[in-house]
């Protein structure tokens, strides 16, 4: 009986997907640009935590050539639910260079 319960528990846990709850309000943060690769824009916040974002359209600034690495931006993005397989934390809505 313990074996059956263990097998059932393992199957149930392996089929479930962990989803992190998301606040639907757009988030605006001051972020440092770390680079662009594979369709993702990599930033870090003031606490040096990685923020990975994507864009549905062309940005006002072309960050794909990585010329702006190390520069600070004010980034507004729409957070999205993260699953175990997603890399992006949200979609960029606007971006503005901080002088």
PDB file of N, CA and C in Angstrom:
ATOM      1  N   UNK A   1       0.818  -1.187   0.000  1.00  0.00           N
ATOM      2  CA  UNK A   1       0.000   0.000   0.000  1.00  0.00           C
ATOM      3  C   UNK A   1       0.869   1.260   0.000  1.00  0.00           C
ATOM      4  N   UNK A   2       1.973   1.220   0.776  1.00  0.00           N
ATOM      5  CA  UNK A   2       2.878   2.366   0.807  1.00  0.00           C
ATOM      6  C   UNK A   2       3.497   2.598  -0.567  1.00  0.00           C
ATOM      7  N   UNK A   3       3.819   1.525  -1.245  1.00  0.00           N
ATOM      8  CA  UNK A   3       4.410   1.634  -2.580  1.00  0.00           C
ATOM      9  C   UNK A   3       3.428   2.277  -3.548  1.00  0.00           C
ATOM     10  N   UNK A   4       2.192   1.855  -3.495  1.00  0.00           N
ATOM     11  CA  UNK A   4       1.161   2.417  -4.364  1.00  0.00           C
ATOM     12  C   UNK A   4       0.965   3.907  -4.088  1.00  0.00           C
ATOM     13  N   UNK A   5       0.939   4.278  -2.819  1.00  0.00           N
ATOM     14  CA  UNK A   5       0.797   5.680  -2.433  1.00  0.00           C
ATOM     15  C   UNK A   5       2.011   6.490  -2.893  1.00  0.00           C
ATOM     16  N   UNK A   6       3.188   5.930  -2.764  1.00  0.00           N
ATOM     17  CA  UNK A   6       4.411   6.610  -3.203  1.00  0.00           C
ATOM     18  C   UNK A   6       4.413   6.824  -4.714  1.00  0.00           C
ATOM     19  N   UNK A   7       4.048   5.811  -5.461  1.00  0.00           N
ATOM     20  CA  UNK A   7       4.006   5.924  -6.926  1.00  0.00           C
ATOM     21  C   UNK A   7       2.978   6.968  -7.345  1.00  0.00           C
ATOM     22  N   UNK A   8       1.806   6.947  -6.731  1.00  0.00           N
ATOM     23  CA  UNK A   8       0.767   7.928  -7.043  1.00  0.00           C
ATOM     24  C   UNK A   8       1.254   9.348  -6.741  1.00  0.00           C
ATOM     25  N   UNK A   9       1.935   9.528  -5.617  1.00  0.00           N
ATOM     26  CA  UNK A   9       2.451  10.851  -5.241  1.00  0.00           C
ATOM     27  C   UNK A   9       3.501  11.342  -6.227  1.00  0.00           C
ATOM     28  N   UNK A  10       4.393  10.477  -6.632  1.00  0.00           N
ATOM     29  CA  UNK A  10       5.447  10.849  -7.581  1.00  0.00           C
ATOM     30  C   UNK A  10       4.852  11.253  -8.920  1.00  0.00           C
ATOM     31  N   UNK A  11       3.890  10.486  -9.400  1.00  0.00           N
ATOM     32  CA  UNK A  11       3.247  10.805 -10.686  1.00  0.00           C
ATOM     33  C   UNK A  11       2.510  12.136 -10.594  1.00  0.00           C
ATOM     34  N   UNK A  12       1.788  12.349  -9.518  1.00  0.00           N
ATOM     35  CA  UNK A  12       1.039  13.595  -9.343  1.00  0.00           C
ATOM     36  C   UNK A  12       1.977  14.795  -9.292  1.00  0.00           C
ATOM     37  N   UNK A  13       3.059  14.695  -8.554  1.00  0.00           N
ATOM     38  CA  UNK A  13       4.011  15.799  -8.442  1.00  0.00           C
ATOM     39  C   UNK A  13       4.745  16.060  -9.750  1.00  0.00           C
ATOM     40  N   UNK A  14       5.047  15.023 -10.494  1.00  0.00           N
ATOM     41  CA  UNK A  14       5.779  15.215 -11.749  1.00  0.00           C
ATOM     42  C   UNK A  14       4.907  15.834 -12.832  1.00  0.00           C
ATOM     43  N   UNK A  15       3.599  15.650 -12.766  1.00  0.00           N
ATOM     44  CA  UNK A  15       2.695  16.216 -13.765  1.00  0.00           C
ATOM     45  C   UNK A  15       2.258  17.637 -13.437  1.00  0.00           C
ATOM     46  N   UNK A  16       2.439  18.044 -12.207  1.00  0.00           N
ATOM     47  CA  UNK A  16       2.031  19.408 -11.847  1.00  0.00           C
ATOM     48  C   UNK A  16       3.103  20.393 -12.299  1.00  0.00           C
ATOM     49  N   UNK A  17       2.669  21.587 -12.660  1.00  0.00           N
ATOM     50  CA  UNK A  17       3.581  22.639 -13.102  1.00  0.00           C
ATOM     51  C   UNK A  17       3.568  23.742 -12.063  1.00  0.00           C
ATOM     52  N   UNK A  18       4.747  24.104 -11.609  1.00  0.00           N
ATOM     53  CA  UNK A  18       4.838  25.190 -10.637  1.00  0.00           C
ATOM     54  C   UNK A  18       4.647  26.517 -11.351  1.00  0.00           C
ATOM     55  N   UNK A  19       3.716  27.298 -10.867  1.00  0.00           N
ATOM     56  CA  UNK A  19       3.456  28.614 -11.445  1.00  0.00           C
ATOM     57  C   UNK A  19       3.607  29.652 -10.348  1.00  0.00           C
ATOM     58  N   UNK A  20       4.398  30.674 -10.640  1.00  0.00           N
ATOM     59  CA  UNK A  20       4.592  31.755  -9.695  1.00  0.00           C
ATOM     60  C   UNK A  20       3.498  32.789  -9.932  1.00  0.00           C
ATOM     61  N   UNK A  21       2.758  33.165  -8.895  1.00  0.00           N
ATOM     62  CA  UNK A  21       1.704  34.151  -9.099  1.00  0.00           C
ATOM     63  C   UNK A  21       2.274  35.485  -9.571  1.00  0.00           C
ATOM     64  N   UNK A  22       1.487  36.187 -10.380  1.00  0.00           N
ATOM     65  CA  UNK A  22       1.954  37.431 -10.967  1.00  0.00           C
ATOM     66  C   UNK A  22       0.961  38.539 -10.682  1.00  0.00           C
ATOM     67  N   UNK A  23       1.504  39.699 -10.377  1.00  0.00           N
ATOM     68  CA  UNK A  23       0.685  40.892 -10.247  1.00  0.00           C
ATOM     69  C   UNK A  23       0.489  41.439 -11.654  1.00  0.00           C
ATOM     70  N   UNK A  24      -0.753  41.677 -12.078  1.00  0.00           N
ATOM     71  CA  UNK A  24      -1.033  42.112 -13.442  1.00  0.00           C
ATOM     72  C   UNK A  24      -0.688  43.571 -13.704  1.00  0.00           C
ATOM     73  N   UNK A  25      -0.335  44.334 -12.691  1.00  0.00           N
ATOM     74  CA  UNK A  25       0.017  45.731 -12.895  1.00  0.00           C
ATOM     75  C   UNK A  25       1.376  45.824 -13.581  1.00  0.00           C
ATOM     76  N   UNK A  26       1.508  46.755 -14.542  1.00  0.00           N
ATOM     77  CA  UNK A  26       2.822  46.932 -15.171  1.00  0.00           C
ATOM     78  C   UNK A  26       3.852  47.339 -14.121  1.00  0.00           C
ATOM     79  N   UNK A  27       5.025  46.816 -14.246  1.00  0.00           N
ATOM     80  CA  UNK A  27       6.103  47.100 -13.317  1.00  0.00           C
ATOM     81  C   UNK A  27       7.101  48.034 -13.986  1.00  0.00           C
ATOM     82  N   UNK A  28       7.541  49.054 -13.268  1.00  0.00           N
ATOM     83  CA  UNK A  28       8.565  49.959 -13.780  1.00  0.00           C
ATOM     84  C   UNK A  28       9.740  49.909 -12.822  1.00  0.00           C
ATOM     85  N   UNK A  29      10.920  49.640 -13.366  1.00  0.00           N
ATOM     86  CA  UNK A  29      12.122  49.541 -12.549  1.00  0.00           C
ATOM     87  C   UNK A  29      13.285  50.214 -13.253  1.00  0.00           C
ATOM     88  N   UNK A  30      14.256  50.634 -12.448  1.00  0.00           N
ATOM     89  CA  UNK A  30      15.515  51.105 -13.007  1.00  0.00           C
ATOM     90  C   UNK A  30      16.435  49.896 -13.080  1.00  0.00           C
ATOM     91  N   UNK A  31      16.822  49.549 -14.305  1.00  0.00           N
ATOM     92  CA  UNK A  31      17.602  48.339 -14.534  1.00  0.00           C
ATOM     93  C   UNK A  31      18.859  48.653 -15.328  1.00  0.00           C
ATOM     94  N   UNK A  32      19.890  47.852 -15.121  1.00  0.00           N
ATOM     95  CA  UNK A  32      21.131  47.956 -15.882  1.00  0.00           C
ATOM     96  C   UNK A  32      21.112  46.897 -16.969  1.00  0.00           C
ATOM     97  N   UNK A  33      21.376  47.324 -18.204  1.00  0.00           N
ATOM     98  CA  UNK A  33      21.346  46.407 -19.343  1.00  0.00           C
ATOM     99  C   UNK A  33      22.595  45.535 -19.341  1.00  0.00           C
ATOM    100  N   UNK A  34      22.396  44.220 -19.409  1.00  0.00           N
ATOM    101  CA  UNK A  34      23.504  43.262 -19.400  1.00  0.00           C
ATOM    102  C   UNK A  34      23.732  42.603 -20.750  1.00  0.00           C
ATOM    103  N   UNK A  35      22.761  42.681 -21.661  1.00  0.00           N
ATOM    104  CA  UNK A  35      22.965  42.104 -22.985  1.00  0.00           C
ATOM    105  C   UNK A  35      21.691  41.555 -23.589  1.00  0.00           C
ATOM    106  N   UNK A  36      21.814  41.182 -24.853  1.00  0.00           N
ATOM    107  CA  UNK A  36      20.700  40.605 -25.610  1.00  0.00           C
ATOM    108  C   UNK A  36      21.188  39.315 -26.241  1.00  0.00           C
ATOM    109  N   UNK A  37      20.380  38.266 -26.124  1.00  0.00           N
ATOM    110  CA  UNK A  37      20.747  36.997 -26.753  1.00  0.00           C
ATOM    111  C   UNK A  37      19.506  36.126 -26.901  1.00  0.00           C
ATOM    112  N   UNK A  38      19.353  35.547 -28.054  1.00  0.00           N
ATOM    113  CA  UNK A  38      18.298  34.569 -28.297  1.00  0.00           C
ATOM    114  C   UNK A  38      16.886  35.082 -28.091  1.00  0.00           C
ATOM    115  N   UNK A  39      16.644  36.360 -28.362  1.00  0.00           N
ATOM    116  CA  UNK A  39      15.309  36.916 -28.209  1.00  0.00           C
ATOM    117  C   UNK A  39      15.002  37.442 -26.821  1.00  0.00           C
ATOM    118  N   UNK A  40      15.958  37.371 -25.918  1.00  0.00           N
ATOM    119  CA  UNK A  40      15.765  37.839 -24.548  1.00  0.00           C
ATOM    120  C   UNK A  40      16.691  39.006 -24.236  1.00  0.00           C
ATOM    121  N   UNK A  41      16.154  39.970 -23.494  1.00  0.00           N
ATOM    122  CA  UNK A  41      16.926  41.115 -23.013  1.00  0.00           C
ATOM    123  C   UNK A  41      17.271  40.842 -21.555  1.00  0.00           C
ATOM    124  N   UNK A  42      18.545  40.917 -21.227  1.00  0.00           N
ATOM    125  CA  UNK A  42      19.006  40.617 -19.875  1.00  0.00           C
ATOM    126  C   UNK A  42      19.352  41.919 -19.159  1.00  0.00           C
ATOM    127  N   UNK A  43      18.772  42.089 -17.978  1.00  0.00           N
ATOM    128  CA  UNK A  43      19.010  43.256 -17.145  1.00  0.00           C
ATOM    129  C   UNK A  43      19.356  42.778 -15.744  1.00  0.00           C
ATOM    130  N   UNK A  44      19.865  43.690 -14.921  1.00  0.00           N
ATOM    131  CA  UNK A  44      20.020  43.414 -13.493  1.00  0.00           C
ATOM    132  C   UNK A  44      19.484  44.618 -12.734  1.00  0.00           C
ATOM    133  N   UNK A  45      18.892  44.348 -11.575  1.00  0.00           N
ATOM    134  CA  UNK A  45      18.333  45.434 -10.777  1.00  0.00           C
ATOM    135  C   UNK A  45      19.380  45.959  -9.807  1.00  0.00           C
ATOM    136  N   UNK A  46      18.969  46.860  -8.909  1.00  0.00           N
ATOM    137  CA  UNK A  46      19.903  47.483  -7.969  1.00  0.00           C
ATOM    138  C   UNK A  46      20.519  46.477  -7.004  1.00  0.00           C
ATOM    139  N   UNK A  47      19.829  45.360  -6.780  1.00  0.00           N
ATOM    140  CA  UNK A  47      20.335  44.314  -5.888  1.00  0.00           C
ATOM    141  C   UNK A  47      21.100  43.246  -6.669  1.00  0.00           C
ATOM    142  N   UNK A  48      21.420  43.541  -7.932  1.00  0.00           N
ATOM    143  CA  UNK A  48      22.156  42.636  -8.824  1.00  0.00           C
ATOM    144  C   UNK A  48      21.413  41.329  -9.094  1.00  0.00           C
ATOM    145  N   UNK A  49      20.085  41.376  -9.006  1.00  0.00           N
ATOM    146  CA  UNK A  49      19.264  40.219  -9.352  1.00  0.00           C
ATOM    147  C   UNK A  49      18.939  40.285 -10.840  1.00  0.00           C
ATOM    148  N   UNK A  50      19.029  39.166 -11.504  1.00  0.00           N
ATOM    149  CA  UNK A  50      18.775  39.119 -12.947  1.00  0.00           C
ATOM    150  C   UNK A  50      17.296  39.329 -13.251  1.00  0.00           C
ATOM    151  N   UNK A  51      17.039  40.103 -14.314  1.00  0.00           N
ATOM    152  CA  UNK A  51      15.687  40.321 -14.824  1.00  0.00           C
ATOM    153  C   UNK A  51      15.743  40.005 -16.312  1.00  0.00           C
ATOM    154  N   UNK A  52      15.021  38.980 -16.735  1.00  0.00           N
ATOM    155  CA  UNK A  52      15.022  38.543 -18.132  1.00  0.00           C
ATOM    156  C   UNK A  52      13.687  38.938 -18.747  1.00  0.00           C
ATOM    157  N   UNK A  53      13.755  39.737 -19.834  1.00  0.00           N
ATOM    158  CA  UNK A  53      12.543  40.238 -20.473  1.00  0.00           C
ATOM    159  C   UNK A  53      12.578  39.960 -21.964  1.00  0.00           C
ATOM    160  N   UNK A  54      11.408  40.036 -22.585  1.00  0.00           N
ATOM    161  CA  UNK A  54      11.310  39.906 -24.033  1.00  0.00           C
ATOM    162  C   UNK A  54      10.464  41.046 -24.560  1.00  0.00           C
ATOM    163  N   UNK A  55      10.423  41.202 -25.877  1.00  0.00           N
ATOM    164  CA  UNK A  55       9.641  42.270 -26.486  1.00  0.00           C
ATOM    165  C   UNK A  55       8.823  41.708 -27.636  1.00  0.00           C
ATOM    166  N   UNK A  56       7.553  42.137 -27.710  1.00  0.00           N
ATOM    167  CA  UNK A  56       6.679  41.705 -28.800  1.00  0.00           C
ATOM    168  C   UNK A  56       6.910  42.515 -30.070  1.00  0.00           C
ATOM    169  N   UNK A  57       7.511  43.687 -29.926  1.00  0.00           N
ATOM    170  CA  UNK A  57       7.725  44.561 -31.081  1.00  0.00           C
ATOM    171  C   UNK A  57       9.115  45.178 -30.993  1.00  0.00           C
ATOM    172  N   UNK A  58       9.483  45.907 -32.027  1.00  0.00           N
ATOM    173  CA  UNK A  58      10.778  46.582 -32.021  1.00  0.00           C
ATOM    174  C   UNK A  58      10.778  47.663 -30.947  1.00  0.00           C
ATOM    175  N   UNK A  59      11.845  47.738 -30.201  1.00  0.00           N
ATOM    176  CA  UNK A  59      11.961  48.752 -29.165  1.00  0.00           C
ATOM    177  C   UNK A  59      12.379  50.075 -29.784  1.00  0.00           C
ATOM    178  N   UNK A  60      12.101  51.156 -29.073  1.00  0.00           N
ATOM    179  CA  UNK A  60      12.517  52.480 -29.532  1.00  0.00           C
ATOM    180  C   UNK A  60      14.037  52.514 -29.664  1.00  0.00           C
ATOM    181  N   UNK A  61      14.716  51.846 -28.753  1.00  0.00           N
ATOM    182  CA  UNK A  61      16.176  51.771 -28.786  1.00  0.00           C
ATOM    183  C   UNK A  61      16.578  50.391 -29.276  1.00  0.00           C
ATOM    184  N   UNK A  62      17.597  50.347 -30.098  1.00  0.00           N
ATOM    185  CA  UNK A  62      18.088  49.059 -30.583  1.00  0.00           C
ATOM    186  C   UNK A  62      19.122  48.528 -29.601  1.00  0.00           C
ATOM    187  N   UNK A  63      18.716  47.597 -28.783  1.00  0.00           N
ATOM    188  CA  UNK A  63      19.619  47.011 -27.796  1.00  0.00           C
ATOM    189  C   UNK A  63      20.213  45.696 -28.275  1.00  0.00           C
ATOM    190  N   UNK A  64      19.777  45.227 -29.437  1.00  0.00           N
ATOM    191  CA  UNK A  64      20.216  43.917 -29.918  1.00  0.00           C
ATOM    192  C   UNK A  64      21.703  43.870 -30.262  1.00  0.00           C
ATOM    193  N   UNK A  65      22.307  45.018 -30.559  1.00  0.00           N
ATOM    194  CA  UNK A  65      23.730  45.028 -30.912  1.00  0.00           C
ATOM    195  C   UNK A  65      24.633  45.080 -29.680  1.00  0.00           C
ATOM    196  N   UNK A  66      24.042  45.137 -28.483  1.00  0.00           N
ATOM    197  CA  UNK A  66      24.769  45.116 -27.209  1.00  0.00           C
ATOM    198  C   UNK A  66      25.710  46.302 -27.014  1.00  0.00           C
ATOM    199  N   UNK A  67      25.476  47.424 -27.698  1.00  0.00           N
ATOM    200  CA  UNK A  67      26.298  48.620 -27.505  1.00  0.00           C
ATOM    201  C   UNK A  67      25.988  49.330 -26.190  1.00  0.00           C
ATOM    202  N   UNK A  68      24.856  49.050 -25.590  1.00  0.00           N
ATOM    203  CA  UNK A  68      24.428  49.754 -24.375  1.00  0.00           C
ATOM    204  C   UNK A  68      24.658  48.939 -23.104  1.00  0.00           C
ATOM    205  N   UNK A  69      25.497  47.922 -23.166  1.00  0.00           N
ATOM    206  CA  UNK A  69      25.767  47.091 -21.989  1.00  0.00           C
ATOM    207  C   UNK A  69      26.351  47.968 -20.883  1.00  0.00           C
ATOM    208  N   UNK A  70      25.807  47.833 -19.686  1.00  0.00           N
ATOM    209  CA  UNK A  70      26.279  48.590 -18.536  1.00  0.00           C
ATOM    210  C   UNK A  70      25.524  49.892 -18.303  1.00  0.00           C
ATOM    211  N   UNK A  71      24.692  50.295 -19.241  1.00  0.00           N
ATOM    212  CA  UNK A  71      23.938  51.537 -19.095  1.00  0.00           C
ATOM    213  C   UNK A  71      22.619  51.276 -18.375  1.00  0.00           C
ATOM    214  N   UNK A  72      22.124  52.324 -17.698  1.00  0.00           N
ATOM    215  CA  UNK A  72      20.893  52.188 -16.921  1.00  0.00           C
ATOM    216  C   UNK A  72      19.692  52.690 -17.703  1.00  0.00           C
ATOM    217  N   UNK A  73      18.567  51.982 -17.515  1.00  0.00           N
ATOM    218  CA  UNK A  73      17.322  52.300 -18.199  1.00  0.00           C
ATOM    219  C   UNK A  73      16.164  52.231 -17.214  1.00  0.00           C
ATOM    220  N   UNK A  74      15.138  53.011 -17.500  1.00  0.00           N
ATOM    221  CA  UNK A  74      13.871  52.873 -16.791  1.00  0.00           C
ATOM    222  C   UNK A  74      13.000  52.000 -17.684  1.00  0.00           C
ATOM    223  N   UNK A  75      12.682  50.814 -17.201  1.00  0.00           N
ATOM    224  CA  UNK A  75      11.984  49.820 -18.014  1.00  0.00           C
ATOM    225  C   UNK A  75      10.608  49.545 -17.417  1.00  0.00           C
ATOM    226  N   UNK A  76       9.584  49.719 -18.243  1.00  0.00           N
ATOM    227  CA  UNK A  76       8.224  49.335 -17.854  1.00  0.00           C
ATOM    228  C   UNK A  76       7.908  48.039 -18.580  1.00  0.00           C
ATOM    229  N   UNK A  77       7.480  47.038 -17.827  1.00  0.00           N
ATOM    230  CA  UNK A  77       7.167  45.753 -18.449  1.00  0.00           C
ATOM    231  C   UNK A  77       5.948  45.126 -17.801  1.00  0.00           C
ATOM    232  N   UNK A  78       5.284  44.317 -18.597  1.00  0.00           N
ATOM    233  CA  UNK A  78       4.100  43.584 -18.142  1.00  0.00           C
ATOM    234  C   UNK A  78       4.570  42.230 -17.620  1.00  0.00           C
ATOM    235  N   UNK A  79       4.497  42.013 -16.297  1.00  0.00           N
ATOM    236  CA  UNK A  79       4.935  40.726 -15.752  1.00  0.00           C
ATOM    237  C   UNK A  79       4.084  39.584 -16.298  1.00  0.00           C
ATOM    238  N   UNK A  80       4.699  38.418 -16.416  1.00  0.00           N
ATOM    239  CA  UNK A  80       3.937  37.246 -16.835  1.00  0.00           C
ATOM    240  C   UNK A  80       4.271  36.084 -15.917  1.00  0.00           C
ATOM    241  N   UNK A  81       3.370  35.142 -15.872  1.00  0.00           N
ATOM    242  CA  UNK A  81       3.551  33.983 -15.003  1.00  0.00           C
ATOM    243  C   UNK A  81       4.754  33.180 -15.463  1.00  0.00           C
ATOM    244  N   UNK A  82       5.567  32.795 -14.507  1.00  0.00           N
ATOM    245  CA  UNK A  82       6.725  31.970 -14.821  1.00  0.00           C
ATOM    246  C   UNK A  82       6.401  30.518 -14.521  1.00  0.00           C
ATOM    247  N   UNK A  83       6.810  29.661 -15.425  1.00  0.00           N
ATOM    248  CA  UNK A  83       6.705  28.229 -15.185  1.00  0.00           C
ATOM    249  C   UNK A  83       8.121  27.686 -15.117  1.00  0.00           C
ATOM    250  N   UNK A  84       8.232  26.413 -14.902  1.00  0.00           N
ATOM    251  CA  UNK A  84       9.558  25.804 -14.804  1.00  0.00           C
ATOM    252  C   UNK A  84      10.340  25.919 -16.106  1.00  0.00           C
ATOM    253  N   UNK A  85       9.639  26.066 -17.225  1.00  0.00           N
ATOM    254  CA  UNK A  85      10.315  26.087 -18.524  1.00  0.00           C
ATOM    255  C   UNK A  85      10.456  27.477 -19.130  1.00  0.00           C
ATOM    256  N   UNK A  86       9.877  28.508 -18.523  1.00  0.00           N
ATOM    257  CA  UNK A  86       9.970  29.843 -19.117  1.00  0.00           C
ATOM    258  C   UNK A  86      11.205  30.575 -18.609  1.00  0.00           C
ATOM    259  N   UNK A  87      11.769  31.407 -19.471  1.00  0.00           N
ATOM    260  CA  UNK A  87      12.933  32.199 -19.104  1.00  0.00           C
ATOM    261  C   UNK A  87      12.557  33.643 -18.816  1.00  0.00           C
ATOM    262  N   UNK A  88      11.542  34.128 -19.488  1.00  0.00           N
ATOM    263  CA  UNK A  88      11.180  35.536 -19.407  1.00  0.00           C
ATOM    264  C   UNK A  88      10.308  35.836 -18.198  1.00  0.00           C
ATOM    265  N   UNK A  89      10.562  37.005 -17.605  1.00  0.00           N
ATOM    266  CA  UNK A  89       9.760  37.456 -16.479  1.00  0.00           C
ATOM    267  C   UNK A  89       8.674  38.433 -16.915  1.00  0.00           C
ATOM    268  N   UNK A  90       8.714  38.853 -18.184  1.00  0.00           N
ATOM    269  CA  UNK A  90       7.704  39.780 -18.659  1.00  0.00           C
ATOM    270  C   UNK A  90       8.016  40.298 -20.046  1.00  0.00           C
ATOM    271  N   UNK A  91       7.116  41.161 -20.543  1.00  0.00           N
ATOM    272  CA  UNK A  91       7.246  41.748 -21.870  1.00  0.00           C
ATOM    273  C   UNK A  91       7.456  43.249 -21.728  1.00  0.00           C
ATOM    274  N   UNK A  92       8.494  43.759 -22.363  1.00  0.00           N
ATOM    275  CA  UNK A  92       8.818  45.181 -22.282  1.00  0.00           C
ATOM    276  C   UNK A  92       7.717  46.000 -22.949  1.00  0.00           C
ATOM    277  N   UNK A  93       7.218  47.010 -22.223  1.00  0.00           N
ATOM    278  CA  UNK A  93       6.225  47.924 -22.777  1.00  0.00           C
ATOM    279  C   UNK A  93       6.873  49.240 -23.199  1.00  0.00           C
ATOM    280  N   UNK A  94       7.805  49.732 -22.390  1.00  0.00           N
ATOM    281  CA  UNK A  94       8.537  50.948 -22.755  1.00  0.00           C
ATOM    282  C   UNK A  94       9.898  50.928 -22.085  1.00  0.00           C
ATOM    283  N   UNK A  95      10.816  51.639 -22.694  1.00  0.00           N
ATOM    284  CA  UNK A  95      12.170  51.702 -22.156  1.00  0.00           C
ATOM    285  C   UNK A  95      12.717  53.099 -22.410  1.00  0.00           C
ATOM    286  N   UNK A  96      13.385  53.646 -21.390  1.00  0.00           N
ATOM    287  CA  UNK A  96      13.922  55.001 -21.488  1.00  0.00           C
ATOM    288  C   UNK A  96      15.291  55.023 -20.822  1.00  0.00           C
ATOM    289  N   UNK A  97      16.276  55.567 -21.509  1.00  0.00           N
ATOM    290  CA  UNK A  97      17.632  55.635 -20.972  1.00  0.00           C
ATOM    291  C   UNK A  97      17.693  56.674 -19.863  1.00  0.00           C
ATOM    292  N   UNK A  98      18.351  56.315 -18.769  1.00  0.00           N
ATOM    293  CA  UNK A  98      18.553  57.233 -17.651  1.00  0.00           C
ATOM    294  C   UNK A  98      19.890  57.925 -17.872  1.00  0.00           C
ATOM    295  N   UNK A  99      19.875  59.235 -17.815  1.00  0.00           N
ATOM    296  CA  UNK A  99      21.110  60.003 -18.079  1.00  0.00           C
ATOM    297  C   UNK A  99      21.995  60.077 -16.883  1.00  0.00           C
TER     298      UNK A  99
END
